[in-house]
Amino acid sequence: MSTSLDQIAVPLFSQTLAAQATEIDMAIKHCRDNNVDPATILESRLAPDMFTYTQQVQRASFHACQAMAKLADIDVPEFADDESSFEDLKVRIKTARDFVRGVDVSLLAGREDAAMQVQTRLALLDFTCRDFLLHFAIPQVLFHSTTAHGLLRNAGIDVGKRHFLGSPDDR
């Protein structure tokens, strides 16, 4: 028996987004307990040419939603990308997670080998749905989530691997 696209995508994206929300709660507590201005974390970046923490969270949530929409062949939800606080980011994550979990999985059924295209900043990419999920969407979500996690660690927030991985109950 093969594994369907939704059996891979929905639990992974849902669990990853839930873990990000938990890490944000930890960042809020850290800022409050240590008199840290949240903006210093929200605007932090690992290198000058990389996205800020806020943008990393935005991209992770976007790529999770984009993946589900592309796999289901429905419109990708639009985000304003105007989050300016941890609370705003938590709302965005909840919106993204609700979308991921709310896509009618019957729309993904049998689409593993369907052709699709994704426009990136650099090129128009051709994939099968399976290859898009495994070789583009999942790496995108995990890259941006990992980078956001690393920024929190670098800011002195006591997040660890267990927080990044989240709970299987959040699938």
Protein backbone atom coordinates (compact mmCIF):
# COMPACT_ATOMS: atom_id res chain seq x y z
CA MET A 1 0.00 0.00 0.00
CA SER A 2 1.42 3.37 -0.98
CA THR A 3 1.41 6.49 1.11
CA SER A 4 -0.79 9.29 -0.21
CA LEU A 5 0.23 12.91 -0.59
CA ASP A 6 -2.08 14.01 2.21
CA GLN A 7 -0.69 11.36 4.59
CA ILE A 8 2.72 12.99 4.17
CA ALA A 9 1.85 16.68 3.85
CA VAL A 10 -0.90 17.33 6.36
CA PRO A 11 0.72 15.82 9.48
CA LEU A 12 4.18 17.19 8.70
CA PHE A 13 3.02 20.74 7.97
CA SER A 14 0.52 20.78 10.83
CA GLN A 15 3.05 19.52 13.38
CA THR A 16 5.76 21.91 12.16
CA LEU A 17 3.45 24.94 12.30
CA ALA A 18 2.21 23.96 15.77
CA ALA A 19 5.81 23.68 16.94
CA GLN A 20 6.52 27.17 15.62
CA ALA A 21 3.57 28.52 17.61
CA THR A 22 4.93 26.85 20.75
CA GLU A 23 8.36 28.38 20.13
CA ILE A 24 6.74 31.79 19.73
CA ASP A 25 5.07 31.35 23.12
CA MET A 26 8.53 30.65 24.52
CA ALA A 27 9.91 33.78 22.83
CA ILE A 28 7.10 35.90 24.30
CA LYS A 29 7.85 34.56 27.78
CA HIS A 30 11.59 35.10 27.30
CA CYS A 31 11.06 38.72 26.26
CA ARG A 32 8.72 39.39 29.17
CA ASP A 33 10.91 37.66 31.78
CA ASN A 34 14.16 39.24 30.57
CA ASN A 35 12.94 42.70 29.58
CA VAL A 36 13.86 42.08 25.92
CA ASP A 37 12.27 44.17 23.20
CA PRO A 38 10.49 41.64 20.92
CA ALA A 39 11.49 43.71 17.89
CA THR A 40 15.12 42.70 18.40
CA ILE A 41 14.14 39.08 17.82
CA LEU A 42 11.49 39.72 15.17
CA GLU A 43 14.01 41.71 13.11
CA SER A 44 16.99 39.43 13.72
CA ARG A 45 18.64 37.51 10.89
CA LEU A 46 21.51 35.05 10.63
CA ALA A 47 23.27 36.94 7.86
CA PRO A 48 22.69 40.31 6.20
CA ASP A 49 21.27 38.73 3.05
CA MET A 50 18.89 36.36 4.86
CA PHE A 51 15.29 36.94 5.91
CA THR A 52 14.41 38.20 9.37
CA TYR A 53 12.79 35.96 11.98
CA THR A 54 9.40 37.39 11.00
CA GLN A 55 10.01 36.66 7.33
CA GLN A 56 11.22 33.10 8.09
CA VAL A 57 7.94 32.36 9.88
CA GLN A 58 6.00 33.99 7.04
CA ARG A 59 7.79 31.88 4.43
CA ALA A 60 7.35 28.62 6.35
CA SER A 61 3.61 29.20 6.65
CA PHE A 62 3.33 30.33 3.03
CA HIS A 63 5.13 27.26 1.70
CA ALA A 64 2.94 24.91 3.74
CA CYS A 65 -0.19 26.55 2.35
CA GLN A 66 1.20 26.80 -1.17
CA ALA A 67 2.02 23.10 -1.11
CA MET A 68 -1.46 22.05 -0.05
CA ALA A 69 -3.08 24.35 -2.60
CA LYS A 70 -0.84 23.22 -5.45
CA LEU A 71 -1.32 19.56 -4.58
CA ALA A 72 -5.10 20.01 -4.47
CA ASP A 73 -5.05 22.23 -7.59
CA ILE A 74 -6.82 25.08 -5.79
CA ASP A 75 -5.92 28.73 -5.29
CA VAL A 76 -3.00 29.49 -3.02
CA PRO A 77 -4.19 31.63 -0.12
CA GLU A 78 -2.85 35.16 -0.06
CA PHE A 79 -1.13 36.64 2.96
CA ALA A 80 -0.47 40.35 3.49
CA ASP A 81 2.94 39.67 5.07
CA ASP A 82 2.30 42.54 7.47
CA GLU A 83 2.90 40.77 10.77
CA SER A 84 4.79 42.97 13.21
CA SER A 85 4.52 41.09 16.52
CA PHE A 86 4.75 37.60 17.92
CA GLU A 87 0.98 37.68 18.38
CA ASP A 88 0.52 38.54 14.69
CA LEU A 89 2.75 35.62 13.74
CA LYS A 90 0.73 33.27 15.92
CA VAL A 91 -2.45 34.35 14.12
CA ARG A 92 -0.75 33.73 10.79
CA ILE A 93 0.43 30.29 11.87
CA LYS A 94 -3.08 29.40 13.07
CA THR A 95 -4.53 30.59 9.75
CA ALA A 96 -1.98 28.53 7.81
CA ARG A 97 -2.47 25.47 9.99
CA ASP A 98 -6.25 25.71 9.64
CA PHE A 99 -5.84 25.93 5.86
CA VAL A 100 -3.47 22.94 5.72
CA ARG A 101 -5.83 20.84 7.84
CA GLY A 102 -8.92 22.10 6.02
CA VAL A 103 -8.01 21.22 2.44
CA ASP A 104 -10.34 18.51 1.14
CA VAL A 105 -7.88 15.61 0.90
CA SER A 106 -10.01 13.93 -1.74
CA LEU A 107 -8.68 16.64 -4.08
CA LEU A 108 -5.18 15.18 -3.64
CA ALA A 109 -6.21 11.58 -4.30
CA GLY A 110 -4.40 10.04 -7.24
CA ARG A 111 -2.44 13.21 -8.06
CA GLU A 112 1.01 11.83 -7.17
CA ASP A 113 2.11 11.76 -10.83
CA ALA A 114 0.14 14.81 -12.02
CA ALA A 115 2.23 17.51 -13.66
CA MET A 116 2.49 20.90 -11.99
CA GLN A 117 4.47 24.09 -12.31
CA VAL A 118 5.73 26.43 -9.62
CA GLN A 119 6.95 29.94 -10.32
CA THR A 120 9.88 30.91 -8.10
CA ARG A 121 11.85 34.14 -8.09
CA LEU A 122 14.41 32.47 -10.35
CA ALA A 123 12.52 30.17 -12.68
CA LEU A 124 9.36 28.30 -13.58
CA LEU A 125 9.84 24.78 -12.25
CA ASP A 126 8.14 21.63 -13.53
CA PHE A 127 7.31 18.80 -11.12
CA THR A 128 5.06 15.89 -10.53
CA CYS A 129 2.99 16.47 -7.39
CA ARG A 130 5.01 13.82 -5.54
CA ASP A 131 8.34 15.40 -6.49
CA PHE A 132 7.07 18.89 -5.67
CA LEU A 133 6.07 17.77 -2.17
CA LEU A 134 9.17 15.72 -1.41
CA HIS A 135 11.85 17.81 -3.13
CA PHE A 136 10.55 21.38 -2.97
CA ALA A 137 7.70 22.03 -0.52
CA ILE A 138 8.92 20.01 2.47
CA PRO A 139 12.49 21.33 2.20
CA GLN A 140 11.16 24.90 1.94
CA VAL A 141 9.00 24.58 5.06
CA LEU A 142 11.76 22.89 7.03
CA PHE A 143 14.45 25.36 5.91
CA HIS A 144 12.48 28.39 7.03
CA SER A 145 11.28 26.71 10.23
CA THR A 146 14.81 25.61 11.09
CA THR A 147 16.19 29.08 10.44
CA ALA A 148 13.49 30.65 12.64
CA HIS A 149 14.33 28.12 15.37
CA GLY A 150 18.03 28.96 15.08
CA LEU A 151 17.30 32.67 15.42
CA LEU A 152 15.42 32.03 18.66
CA ARG A 153 18.30 29.92 19.98
CA ASN A 154 20.75 32.62 19.01
CA ALA A 155 18.65 35.16 20.94
CA GLY A 156 19.08 33.10 24.11
CA ILE A 157 15.66 31.46 24.12
CA ASP A 158 15.77 27.97 25.57
CA VAL A 159 14.27 26.17 22.56
CA GLY A 160 15.65 22.77 21.70
CA LYS A 161 15.14 19.96 19.26
CA ARG A 162 12.09 18.71 21.14
CA HIS A 163 10.45 22.11 20.65
CA PHE A 164 11.36 22.22 16.95
CA LEU A 165 10.00 18.72 16.37
CA GLY A 166 6.79 19.43 18.25
CA SER A 167 4.36 16.74 19.22
CA PRO A 168 2.90 14.01 17.03
CA ASP A 169 -0.37 14.92 18.75
CA ASP A 170 -0.30 18.17 16.74
CA ARG A 171 -0.52 16.39 13.42
